[in-house]
ModelCIF file with pLDDT and N, C-alpha, C, O atoms, coordinates in Angstrom:
data_MODEL
#
_entry.id   MODEL 
#
_entity.id                         1 
_entity.type                       polymer 
_entity.pdbx_number_of_molecules   1 
#
_entity_poly.entity_id                      1 
_entity_poly.type                           'polypeptide(L)' 
_entity_poly.nstd_linkage                   no 
_entity_poly.nstd_monomer                   no 
_entity_poly.pdbx_seq_one_letter_code       
;(UNK)(UNK)(UNK)(UNK)(UNK)(UNK)(UNK)(UNK)(UNK)(UNK)(UNK)(UNK)(UNK)(UNK)(UNK)(UNK)
(UNK)(UNK)(UNK)(UNK)(UNK)(UNK)(UNK)(UNK)(UNK)(UNK)(UNK)(UNK)(UNK)(UNK)(UNK)(UNK)
(UNK)(UNK)(UNK)(UNK)(UNK)(UNK)(UNK)(UNK)(UNK)(UNK)(UNK)(UNK)(UNK)
;
_entity_poly.pdbx_seq_one_letter_code_can   XXXXXXXXXXXXXXXXXXXXXXXXXXXXXXXXXXXXXXXXXXXXX 
_entity_poly.pdbx_strand_id                 A 
#
loop_
_entity_poly_seq.entity_id 
_entity_poly_seq.num 
_entity_poly_seq.mon_id 
_entity_poly_seq.hetero 
1 1  UNK n 
1 2  UNK n 
1 3  UNK n 
1 4  UNK n 
1 5  UNK n 
1 6  UNK n 
1 7  UNK n 
1 8  UNK n 
1 9  UNK n 
1 10 UNK n 
1 11 UNK n 
1 12 UNK n 
1 13 UNK n 
1 14 UNK n 
1 15 UNK n 
1 16 UNK n 
1 17 UNK n 
1 18 UNK n 
1 19 UNK n 
1 20 UNK n 
1 21 UNK n 
1 22 UNK n 
1 23 UNK n 
1 24 UNK n 
1 25 UNK n 
1 26 UNK n 
1 27 UNK n 
1 28 UNK n 
1 29 UNK n 
1 30 UNK n 
1 31 UNK n 
1 32 UNK n 
1 33 UNK n 
1 34 UNK n 
1 35 UNK n 
1 36 UNK n 
1 37 UNK n 
1 38 UNK n 
1 39 UNK n 
1 40 UNK n 
1 41 UNK n 
1 42 UNK n 
1 43 UNK n 
1 44 UNK n 
1 45 UNK n 
#
_struct_asym.id          A 
_struct_asym.entity_id   1 
#
loop_
_ma_qa_metric.id 
_ma_qa_metric.mode 
_ma_qa_metric.name 
_ma_qa_metric.software_group_id 
_ma_qa_metric.type 
1 global pLDDT . pLDDT 
2 local  pLDDT . pLDDT 
#
_ma_qa_metric_global.metric_id      1 
_ma_qa_metric_global.metric_value   97.76 
_ma_qa_metric_global.model_id       1 
_ma_qa_metric_global.ordinal_id     1 
#
loop_
_ma_qa_metric_local.label_asym_id 
_ma_qa_metric_local.label_comp_id 
_ma_qa_metric_local.label_seq_id 
_ma_qa_metric_local.metric_id 
_ma_qa_metric_local.metric_value 
_ma_qa_metric_local.model_id 
_ma_qa_metric_local.ordinal_id 
A UNK 1  2 98.00 1 1  
A UNK 2  2 98.00 1 2  
A UNK 3  2 98.00 1 3  
A UNK 4  2 98.00 1 4  
A UNK 5  2 97.00 1 5  
A UNK 6  2 97.00 1 6  
A UNK 7  2 97.00 1 7  
A UNK 8  2 98.00 1 8  
A UNK 9  2 98.00 1 9  
A UNK 10 2 98.00 1 10 
A UNK 11 2 98.00 1 11 
A UNK 12 2 98.00 1 12 
A UNK 13 2 98.00 1 13 
A UNK 14 2 98.00 1 14 
A UNK 15 2 98.00 1 15 
A UNK 16 2 98.00 1 16 
A UNK 17 2 98.00 1 17 
A UNK 18 2 97.00 1 18 
A UNK 19 2 96.00 1 19 
A UNK 20 2 96.00 1 20 
A UNK 21 2 97.00 1 21 
A UNK 22 2 97.00 1 22 
A UNK 23 2 98.00 1 23 
A UNK 24 2 98.00 1 24 
A UNK 25 2 98.00 1 25 
A UNK 26 2 98.00 1 26 
A UNK 27 2 98.00 1 27 
A UNK 28 2 98.00 1 28 
A UNK 29 2 98.00 1 29 
A UNK 30 2 98.00 1 30 
A UNK 31 2 98.00 1 31 
A UNK 32 2 98.00 1 32 
A UNK 33 2 98.00 1 33 
A UNK 34 2 98.00 1 34 
A UNK 35 2 98.00 1 35 
A UNK 36 2 98.00 1 36 
A UNK 37 2 98.00 1 37 
A UNK 38 2 98.00 1 38 
A UNK 39 2 98.00 1 39 
A UNK 40 2 98.00 1 40 
A UNK 41 2 98.00 1 41 
A UNK 42 2 98.00 1 42 
A UNK 43 2 98.00 1 43 
A UNK 44 2 98.00 1 44 
A UNK 45 2 97.00 1 45 
#
loop_
_atom_site.group_PDB 
_atom_site.id 
_atom_site.type_symbol 
_atom_site.label_atom_id 
_atom_site.label_alt_id 
_atom_site.label_comp_id 
_atom_site.label_asym_id 
_atom_site.label_entity_id 
_atom_site.label_seq_id 
_atom_site.pdbx_PDB_ins_code 
_atom_site.Cartn_x 
_atom_site.Cartn_y 
_atom_site.Cartn_z 
_atom_site.occupancy 
_atom_site.B_iso_or_equiv 
_atom_site.pdbx_formal_charge 
_atom_site.auth_seq_id 
_atom_site.auth_comp_id 
_atom_site.auth_asym_id 
_atom_site.auth_atom_id 
_atom_site.pdbx_PDB_model_num 
ATOM 1   N N  . UNK A 1 1  ? 0.845  -1.206  0.000   1.00 98.00 ? 1  UNK A N  1 
ATOM 2   C CA . UNK A 1 1  ? 0.000  0.000   0.000   1.00 98.00 ? 1  UNK A CA 1 
ATOM 3   C C  . UNK A 1 1  ? 0.881  1.256   0.000   1.00 98.00 ? 1  UNK A C  1 
ATOM 4   O O  . UNK A 1 1  ? 0.564  2.252   -0.651  1.00 98.00 ? 1  UNK A O  1 
ATOM 5   N N  . UNK A 1 2  ? 1.977  1.187   0.735   1.00 98.00 ? 2  UNK A N  1 
ATOM 6   C CA . UNK A 1 2  ? 2.917  2.304   0.801   1.00 98.00 ? 2  UNK A CA 1 
ATOM 7   C C  . UNK A 1 2  ? 3.518  2.595   -0.573  1.00 98.00 ? 2  UNK A C  1 
ATOM 8   O O  . UNK A 1 2  ? 3.751  3.753   -0.920  1.00 98.00 ? 2  UNK A O  1 
ATOM 9   N N  . UNK A 1 3  ? 3.770  1.539   -1.357  1.00 98.00 ? 3  UNK A N  1 
ATOM 10  C CA . UNK A 1 3  ? 4.357  1.719   -2.689  1.00 98.00 ? 3  UNK A CA 1 
ATOM 11  C C  . UNK A 1 3  ? 3.336  2.152   -3.737  1.00 98.00 ? 3  UNK A C  1 
ATOM 12  O O  . UNK A 1 3  ? 3.710  2.670   -4.789  1.00 98.00 ? 3  UNK A O  1 
ATOM 13  N N  . UNK A 1 4  ? 2.071  1.946   -3.461  1.00 98.00 ? 4  UNK A N  1 
ATOM 14  C CA . UNK A 1 4  ? 1.031  2.334   -4.414  1.00 98.00 ? 4  UNK A CA 1 
ATOM 15  C C  . UNK A 1 4  ? 1.076  3.850   -4.635  1.00 98.00 ? 4  UNK A C  1 
ATOM 16  O O  . UNK A 1 4  ? 1.288  4.632   -3.709  1.00 98.00 ? 4  UNK A O  1 
ATOM 17  N N  . UNK A 1 5  ? 0.870  4.225   -5.883  1.00 97.00 ? 5  UNK A N  1 
ATOM 18  C CA . UNK A 1 5  ? 0.858  5.639   -6.297  1.00 97.00 ? 5  UNK A CA 1 
ATOM 19  C C  . UNK A 1 5  ? 2.249  6.278   -6.245  1.00 97.00 ? 5  UNK A C  1 
ATOM 20  O O  . UNK A 1 5  ? 2.367  7.502   -6.298  1.00 97.00 ? 5  UNK A O  1 
ATOM 21  N N  . UNK A 1 6  ? 3.295  5.463   -6.143  1.00 97.00 ? 6  UNK A N  1 
ATOM 22  C CA . UNK A 1 6  ? 4.658  5.990   -6.137  1.00 97.00 ? 6  UNK A CA 1 
ATOM 23  C C  . UNK A 1 6  ? 5.426  5.490   -7.357  1.00 97.00 ? 6  UNK A C  1 
ATOM 24  O O  . UNK A 1 6  ? 4.948  4.637   -8.104  1.00 97.00 ? 6  UNK A O  1 
ATOM 25  N N  . UNK A 1 7  ? 6.631  6.040   -7.543  1.00 97.00 ? 7  UNK A N  1 
ATOM 26  C CA . UNK A 1 7  ? 7.536  5.531   -8.571  1.00 97.00 ? 7  UNK A CA 1 
ATOM 27  C C  . UNK A 1 7  ? 8.268  4.316   -8.031  1.00 97.00 ? 7  UNK A C  1 
ATOM 28  O O  . UNK A 1 7  ? 8.783  4.346   -6.913  1.00 97.00 ? 7  UNK A O  1 
ATOM 29  N N  . UNK A 1 8  ? 8.319  3.240   -8.819  1.00 98.00 ? 8  UNK A N  1 
ATOM 30  C CA . UNK A 1 8  ? 9.056  2.049   -8.408  1.00 98.00 ? 8  UNK A CA 1 
ATOM 31  C C  . UNK A 1 8  ? 9.879  1.537   -9.597  1.00 98.00 ? 8  UNK A C  1 
ATOM 32  O O  . UNK A 1 8  ? 9.605  1.846   -10.756 1.00 98.00 ? 8  UNK A O  1 
ATOM 33  N N  . UNK A 1 9  ? 10.874 0.760   -9.262  1.00 98.00 ? 9  UNK A N  1 
ATOM 34  C CA . UNK A 1 9  ? 11.779 0.208   -10.271 1.00 98.00 ? 9  UNK A CA 1 
ATOM 35  C C  . UNK A 1 9  ? 11.688 -1.308  -10.203 1.00 98.00 ? 9  UNK A C  1 
ATOM 36  O O  . UNK A 1 9  ? 11.899 -1.911  -9.151  1.00 98.00 ? 9  UNK A O  1 
ATOM 37  N N  . UNK A 1 10 ? 11.373 -1.910  -11.335 1.00 98.00 ? 10 UNK A N  1 
ATOM 38  C CA . UNK A 1 10 ? 11.114 -3.350  -11.383 1.00 98.00 ? 10 UNK A CA 1 
ATOM 39  C C  . UNK A 1 10 ? 12.123 -4.017  -12.310 1.00 98.00 ? 10 UNK A C  1 
ATOM 40  O O  . UNK A 1 10 ? 12.381 -3.545  -13.417 1.00 98.00 ? 10 UNK A O  1 
ATOM 41  N N  . UNK A 1 11 ? 12.691 -5.134  -11.831 1.00 98.00 ? 11 UNK A N  1 
ATOM 42  C CA . UNK A 1 11 ? 13.664 -5.880  -12.636 1.00 98.00 ? 11 UNK A CA 1 
ATOM 43  C C  . UNK A 1 11 ? 13.332 -7.361  -12.567 1.00 98.00 ? 11 UNK A C  1 
ATOM 44  O O  . UNK A 1 11 ? 13.168 -7.920  -11.483 1.00 98.00 ? 11 UNK A O  1 
ATOM 45  N N  . UNK A 1 12 ? 13.236 -7.986  -13.721 1.00 98.00 ? 12 UNK A N  1 
ATOM 46  C CA . UNK A 1 12 ? 13.107 -9.434  -13.798 1.00 98.00 ? 12 UNK A CA 1 
ATOM 47  C C  . UNK A 1 12 ? 14.494 -10.019 -14.041 1.00 98.00 ? 12 UNK A C  1 
ATOM 48  O O  . UNK A 1 12 ? 15.194 -9.625  -14.974 1.00 98.00 ? 12 UNK A O  1 
ATOM 49  N N  . UNK A 1 13 ? 14.874 -10.951 -13.199 1.00 98.00 ? 13 UNK A N  1 
ATOM 50  C CA . UNK A 1 13 ? 16.213 -11.526 -13.244 1.00 98.00 ? 13 UNK A CA 1 
ATOM 51  C C  . UNK A 1 13 ? 16.123 -12.976 -12.799 1.00 98.00 ? 13 UNK A C  1 
ATOM 52  O O  . UNK A 1 13 ? 15.031 -13.497 -12.574 1.00 98.00 ? 13 UNK A O  1 
ATOM 53  N N  . UNK A 1 14 ? 17.257 -13.616 -12.676 1.00 98.00 ? 14 UNK A N  1 
ATOM 54  C CA . UNK A 1 14 ? 17.227 -14.973 -12.146 1.00 98.00 ? 14 UNK A CA 1 
ATOM 55  C C  . UNK A 1 14 ? 18.515 -15.264 -11.390 1.00 98.00 ? 14 UNK A C  1 
ATOM 56  O O  . UNK A 1 14 ? 19.498 -14.534 -11.518 1.00 98.00 ? 14 UNK A O  1 
ATOM 57  N N  . UNK A 1 15 ? 18.506 -16.320 -10.613 1.00 98.00 ? 15 UNK A N  1 
ATOM 58  C CA . UNK A 1 15 ? 19.688 -16.778 -9.892  1.00 98.00 ? 15 UNK A CA 1 
ATOM 59  C C  . UNK A 1 15 ? 19.917 -18.241 -10.249 1.00 98.00 ? 15 UNK A C  1 
ATOM 60  O O  . UNK A 1 15 ? 19.001 -18.940 -10.682 1.00 98.00 ? 15 UNK A O  1 
ATOM 61  N N  . UNK A 1 16 ? 21.154 -18.693 -10.058 1.00 98.00 ? 16 UNK A N  1 
ATOM 62  C CA . UNK A 1 16 ? 21.623 -20.049 -10.377 1.00 98.00 ? 16 UNK A CA 1 
ATOM 63  C C  . UNK A 1 16 ? 21.934 -20.172 -11.867 1.00 98.00 ? 16 UNK A C  1 
ATOM 64  O O  . UNK A 1 16 ? 21.036 -20.268 -12.705 1.00 98.00 ? 16 UNK A O  1 
ATOM 65  N N  . UNK A 1 17 ? 23.237 -20.166 -12.173 1.00 98.00 ? 17 UNK A N  1 
ATOM 66  C CA . UNK A 1 17 ? 23.680 -20.190 -13.568 1.00 98.00 ? 17 UNK A CA 1 
ATOM 67  C C  . UNK A 1 17 ? 23.364 -21.496 -14.275 1.00 98.00 ? 17 UNK A C  1 
ATOM 68  O O  . UNK A 1 17 ? 23.188 -21.509 -15.493 1.00 98.00 ? 17 UNK A O  1 
ATOM 69  N N  . UNK A 1 18 ? 23.288 -22.600 -13.531 1.00 97.00 ? 18 UNK A N  1 
ATOM 70  C CA . UNK A 1 18 ? 22.930 -23.887 -14.133 1.00 97.00 ? 18 UNK A CA 1 
ATOM 71  C C  . UNK A 1 18 ? 21.440 -23.880 -14.439 1.00 97.00 ? 18 UNK A C  1 
ATOM 72  O O  . UNK A 1 18 ? 20.630 -23.731 -13.524 1.00 97.00 ? 18 UNK A O  1 
ATOM 73  N N  . UNK A 1 19 ? 21.055 -24.039 -15.712 1.00 96.00 ? 19 UNK A N  1 
ATOM 74  C CA . UNK A 1 19 ? 19.637 -23.972 -16.080 1.00 96.00 ? 19 UNK A CA 1 
ATOM 75  C C  . UNK A 1 19 ? 18.758 -24.975 -15.338 1.00 96.00 ? 19 UNK A C  1 
ATOM 76  O O  . UNK A 1 19 ? 17.559 -24.747 -15.175 1.00 96.00 ? 19 UNK A O  1 
ATOM 77  N N  . UNK A 1 20 ? 19.346 -26.084 -14.886 1.00 96.00 ? 20 UNK A N  1 
ATOM 78  C CA . UNK A 1 20 ? 18.561 -27.086 -14.164 1.00 96.00 ? 20 UNK A CA 1 
ATOM 79  C C  . UNK A 1 20 ? 18.144 -26.616 -12.773 1.00 96.00 ? 20 UNK A C  1 
ATOM 80  O O  . UNK A 1 20 ? 17.282 -27.224 -12.139 1.00 96.00 ? 20 UNK A O  1 
ATOM 81  N N  . UNK A 1 21 ? 18.757 -25.535 -12.303 1.00 97.00 ? 21 UNK A N  1 
ATOM 82  C CA . UNK A 1 21 ? 18.475 -25.053 -10.945 1.00 97.00 ? 21 UNK A CA 1 
ATOM 83  C C  . UNK A 1 21 ? 18.007 -23.596 -10.943 1.00 97.00 ? 21 UNK A C  1 
ATOM 84  O O  . UNK A 1 21 ? 17.896 -22.978 -9.884  1.00 97.00 ? 21 UNK A O  1 
ATOM 85  N N  . UNK A 1 22 ? 17.740 -23.068 -12.099 1.00 97.00 ? 22 UNK A N  1 
ATOM 86  C CA . UNK A 1 22 ? 17.401 -21.652 -12.240 1.00 97.00 ? 22 UNK A CA 1 
ATOM 87  C C  . UNK A 1 22 ? 16.152 -21.274 -11.448 1.00 97.00 ? 22 UNK A C  1 
ATOM 88  O O  . UNK A 1 22 ? 15.178 -22.026 -11.396 1.00 97.00 ? 22 UNK A O  1 
ATOM 89  N N  . UNK A 1 23 ? 16.202 -20.089 -10.831 1.00 98.00 ? 23 UNK A N  1 
ATOM 90  C CA . UNK A 1 23 ? 15.085 -19.547 -10.067 1.00 98.00 ? 23 UNK A CA 1 
ATOM 91  C C  . UNK A 1 23 ? 14.840 -18.111 -10.531 1.00 98.00 ? 23 UNK A C  1 
ATOM 92  O O  . UNK A 1 23 ? 15.712 -17.254 -10.387 1.00 98.00 ? 23 UNK A O  1 
ATOM 93  N N  . UNK A 1 24 ? 13.670 -17.852 -11.082 1.00 98.00 ? 24 UNK A N  1 
ATOM 94  C CA . UNK A 1 24 ? 13.334 -16.511 -11.564 1.00 98.00 ? 24 UNK A CA 1 
ATOM 95  C C  . UNK A 1 24 ? 12.942 -15.604 -10.398 1.00 98.00 ? 24 UNK A C  1 
ATOM 96  O O  . UNK A 1 24 ? 12.170 -15.993 -9.522  1.00 98.00 ? 24 UNK A O  1 
ATOM 97  N N  . UNK A 1 25 ? 13.488 -14.391 -10.405 1.00 98.00 ? 25 UNK A N  1 
ATOM 98  C CA . UNK A 1 25 ? 13.236 -13.441 -9.315  1.00 98.00 ? 25 UNK A CA 1 
ATOM 99  C C  . UNK A 1 25 ? 12.773 -12.109 -9.896  1.00 98.00 ? 25 UNK A C  1 
ATOM 100 O O  . UNK A 1 25 ? 13.442 -11.532 -10.753 1.00 98.00 ? 25 UNK A O  1 
ATOM 101 N N  . UNK A 1 26 ? 11.623 -11.624 -9.425  1.00 98.00 ? 26 UNK A N  1 
ATOM 102 C CA . UNK A 1 26 ? 11.176 -10.268 -9.761  1.00 98.00 ? 26 UNK A CA 1 
ATOM 103 C C  . UNK A 1 26 ? 11.533 -9.351  -8.601  1.00 98.00 ? 26 UNK A C  1 
ATOM 104 O O  . UNK A 1 26 ? 11.151 -9.595  -7.456  1.00 98.00 ? 26 UNK A O  1 
ATOM 105 N N  . UNK A 1 27 ? 12.271 -8.294  -8.915  1.00 98.00 ? 27 UNK A N  1 
ATOM 106 C CA . UNK A 1 27 ? 12.733 -7.345  -7.905  1.00 98.00 ? 27 UNK A CA 1 
ATOM 107 C C  . UNK A 1 27 ? 11.949 -6.043  -8.039  1.00 98.00 ? 27 UNK A C  1 
ATOM 108 O O  . UNK A 1 27 ? 11.828 -5.496  -9.135  1.00 98.00 ? 27 UNK A O  1 
ATOM 109 N N  . UNK A 1 28 ? 11.423 -5.553  -6.928  1.00 98.00 ? 28 UNK A N  1 
ATOM 110 C CA . UNK A 1 28 ? 10.750 -4.255  -6.884  1.00 98.00 ? 28 UNK A CA 1 
ATOM 111 C C  . UNK A 1 28 ? 11.501 -3.393  -5.873  1.00 98.00 ? 28 UNK A C  1 
ATOM 112 O O  . UNK A 1 28 ? 11.559 -3.724  -4.689  1.00 98.00 ? 28 UNK A O  1 
ATOM 113 N N  . UNK A 1 29 ? 12.075 -2.286  -6.345  1.00 98.00 ? 29 UNK A N  1 
ATOM 114 C CA . UNK A 1 29 ? 12.848 -1.419  -5.457  1.00 98.00 ? 29 UNK A CA 1 
ATOM 115 C C  . UNK A 1 29 ? 12.304 0.004   -5.494  1.00 98.00 ? 29 UNK A C  1 
ATOM 116 O O  . UNK A 1 29 ? 11.655 0.431   -6.449  1.00 98.00 ? 29 UNK A O  1 
ATOM 117 N N  . UNK A 1 30 ? 12.596 0.711   -4.421  1.00 98.00 ? 30 UNK A N  1 
ATOM 118 C CA . UNK A 1 30 ? 12.152 2.092   -4.278  1.00 98.00 ? 30 UNK A CA 1 
ATOM 119 C C  . UNK A 1 30 ? 13.094 3.067   -4.958  1.00 98.00 ? 30 UNK A C  1 
ATOM 120 O O  . UNK A 1 30 ? 12.684 4.159   -5.351  1.00 98.00 ? 30 UNK A O  1 
ATOM 121 N N  . UNK A 1 31 ? 14.366 2.676   -5.099  1.00 98.00 ? 31 UNK A N  1 
ATOM 122 C CA . UNK A 1 31 ? 15.371 3.573   -5.662  1.00 98.00 ? 31 UNK A CA 1 
ATOM 123 C C  . UNK A 1 31 ? 16.000 2.952   -6.903  1.00 98.00 ? 31 UNK A C  1 
ATOM 124 O O  . UNK A 1 31 ? 16.072 1.729   -7.020  1.00 98.00 ? 31 UNK A O  1 
ATOM 125 N N  . UNK A 1 32 ? 16.459 3.800   -7.836  1.00 98.00 ? 32 UNK A N  1 
ATOM 126 C CA . UNK A 1 32 ? 17.100 3.250   -9.034  1.00 98.00 ? 32 UNK A CA 1 
ATOM 127 C C  . UNK A 1 32 ? 18.434 2.571   -8.733  1.00 98.00 ? 32 UNK A C  1 
ATOM 128 O O  . UNK A 1 32 ? 18.798 1.609   -9.410  1.00 98.00 ? 32 UNK A O  1 
ATOM 129 N N  . UNK A 1 33 ? 19.172 3.054   -7.725  1.00 98.00 ? 33 UNK A N  1 
ATOM 130 C CA . UNK A 1 33 ? 20.483 2.445   -7.445  1.00 98.00 ? 33 UNK A CA 1 
ATOM 131 C C  . UNK A 1 33 ? 20.347 1.060   -6.820  1.00 98.00 ? 33 UNK A C  1 
ATOM 132 O O  . UNK A 1 33 ? 21.207 0.202   -7.023  1.00 98.00 ? 33 UNK A O  1 
ATOM 133 N N  . UNK A 1 34 ? 19.276 0.834   -6.063  1.00 98.00 ? 34 UNK A N  1 
ATOM 134 C CA . UNK A 1 34 ? 19.042 -0.519  -5.542  1.00 98.00 ? 34 UNK A CA 1 
ATOM 135 C C  . UNK A 1 34 ? 18.717 -1.468  -6.688  1.00 98.00 ? 34 UNK A C  1 
ATOM 136 O O  . UNK A 1 34 ? 19.090 -2.641  -6.658  1.00 98.00 ? 34 UNK A O  1 
ATOM 137 N N  . UNK A 1 35 ? 18.018 -0.955  -7.699  1.00 98.00 ? 35 UNK A N  1 
ATOM 138 C CA . UNK A 1 35 ? 17.702 -1.766  -8.871  1.00 98.00 ? 35 UNK A CA 1 
ATOM 139 C C  . UNK A 1 35 ? 18.957 -2.057  -9.688  1.00 98.00 ? 35 UNK A C  1 
ATOM 140 O O  . UNK A 1 35 ? 19.106 -3.144  -10.246 1.00 98.00 ? 35 UNK A O  1 
ATOM 141 N N  . UNK A 1 36 ? 19.854 -1.079  -9.753  1.00 98.00 ? 36 UNK A N  1 
ATOM 142 C CA . UNK A 1 36 ? 21.131 -1.284  -10.443 1.00 98.00 ? 36 UNK A CA 1 
ATOM 143 C C  . UNK A 1 36 ? 21.977 -2.322  -9.716  1.00 98.00 ? 36 UNK A C  1 
ATOM 144 O O  . UNK A 1 36 ? 22.669 -3.121  -10.347 1.00 98.00 ? 36 UNK A O  1 
ATOM 145 N N  . UNK A 1 37 ? 21.917 -2.308  -8.381  1.00 98.00 ? 37 UNK A N  1 
ATOM 146 C CA . UNK A 1 37 ? 22.618 -3.332  -7.604  1.00 98.00 ? 37 UNK A CA 1 
ATOM 147 C C  . UNK A 1 37 ? 22.117 -4.720  -8.006  1.00 98.00 ? 37 UNK A C  1 
ATOM 148 O O  . UNK A 1 37 ? 22.918 -5.640  -8.171  1.00 98.00 ? 37 UNK A O  1 
ATOM 149 N N  . UNK A 1 38 ? 20.815 -4.878  -8.163  1.00 98.00 ? 38 UNK A N  1 
ATOM 150 C CA . UNK A 1 38 ? 20.252 -6.184  -8.546  1.00 98.00 ? 38 UNK A CA 1 
ATOM 151 C C  . UNK A 1 38 ? 20.598 -6.530  -9.989  1.00 98.00 ? 38 UNK A C  1 
ATOM 152 O O  . UNK A 1 38 ? 20.778 -7.704  -10.314 1.00 98.00 ? 38 UNK A O  1 
ATOM 153 N N  . UNK A 1 39 ? 20.695 -5.523  -10.860 1.00 98.00 ? 39 UNK A N  1 
ATOM 154 C CA . UNK A 1 39 ? 21.177 -5.766  -12.219 1.00 98.00 ? 39 UNK A CA 1 
ATOM 155 C C  . UNK A 1 39 ? 22.583 -6.364  -12.166 1.00 98.00 ? 39 UNK A C  1 
ATOM 156 O O  . UNK A 1 39 ? 22.896 -7.315  -12.883 1.00 98.00 ? 39 UNK A O  1 
ATOM 157 N N  . UNK A 1 40 ? 23.419 -5.793  -11.308 1.00 98.00 ? 40 UNK A N  1 
ATOM 158 C CA . UNK A 1 40 ? 24.792 -6.269  -11.185 1.00 98.00 ? 40 UNK A CA 1 
ATOM 159 C C  . UNK A 1 40 ? 24.871 -7.668  -10.578 1.00 98.00 ? 40 UNK A C  1 
ATOM 160 O O  . UNK A 1 40 ? 25.611 -8.524  -11.061 1.00 98.00 ? 40 UNK A O  1 
ATOM 161 N N  . UNK A 1 41 ? 24.095 -7.889  -9.506  1.00 98.00 ? 41 UNK A N  1 
ATOM 162 C CA . UNK A 1 41 ? 24.314 -9.066  -8.675  1.00 98.00 ? 41 UNK A CA 1 
ATOM 163 C C  . UNK A 1 41 ? 23.527 -10.300 -9.112  1.00 98.00 ? 41 UNK A C  1 
ATOM 164 O O  . UNK A 1 41 ? 23.986 -11.423 -8.904  1.00 98.00 ? 41 UNK A O  1 
ATOM 165 N N  . UNK A 1 42 ? 22.366 -10.115 -9.706  1.00 98.00 ? 42 UNK A N  1 
ATOM 166 C CA . UNK A 1 42 ? 21.602 -11.266 -10.168 1.00 98.00 ? 42 UNK A CA 1 
ATOM 167 C C  . UNK A 1 42 ? 21.924 -11.520 -11.640 1.00 98.00 ? 42 UNK A C  1 
ATOM 168 O O  . UNK A 1 42 ? 22.556 -10.693 -12.298 1.00 98.00 ? 42 UNK A O  1 
ATOM 169 N N  . UNK A 1 43 ? 21.491 -12.648 -12.140 1.00 98.00 ? 43 UNK A N  1 
ATOM 170 C CA . UNK A 1 43 ? 21.769 -13.009 -13.537 1.00 98.00 ? 43 UNK A CA 1 
ATOM 171 C C  . UNK A 1 43 ? 20.791 -12.295 -14.451 1.00 98.00 ? 43 UNK A C  1 
ATOM 172 O O  . UNK A 1 43 ? 19.619 -12.123 -14.116 1.00 98.00 ? 43 UNK A O  1 
ATOM 173 N N  . UNK A 1 44 ? 21.283 -11.886 -15.599 1.00 98.00 ? 44 UNK A N  1 
ATOM 174 C CA . UNK A 1 44 ? 20.553 -11.006 -16.494 1.00 98.00 ? 44 UNK A CA 1 
ATOM 175 C C  . UNK A 1 44 ? 19.949 -11.775 -17.679 1.00 98.00 ? 44 UNK A C  1 
ATOM 176 O O  . UNK A 1 44 ? 20.688 -12.299 -18.513 1.00 98.00 ? 44 UNK A O  1 
ATOM 177 N N  . UNK A 1 45 ? 18.608 -11.845 -17.758 1.00 97.00 ? 45 UNK A N  1 
ATOM 178 C CA . UNK A 1 45 ? 17.991 -12.558 -18.874 1.00 97.00 ? 45 UNK A CA 1 
ATOM 179 C C  . UNK A 1 45 ? 18.176 -11.812 -20.198 1.00 97.00 ? 45 UNK A C  1 
ATOM 180 O O  . UNK A 1 45 ? 17.714 -12.279 -21.239 1.00 97.00 ? 45 UNK A O  1 
#
């Protein structure tokens, strides 16, 4: 509810480089730099 009506940054990414163990993760962050951190740290589809 707090995030409703605000600007948010959304990133679809995944973890686990082996395709047999891949886990898709949707990230919702309040700041663009936190989203950039997830771009860096999670795997990029």
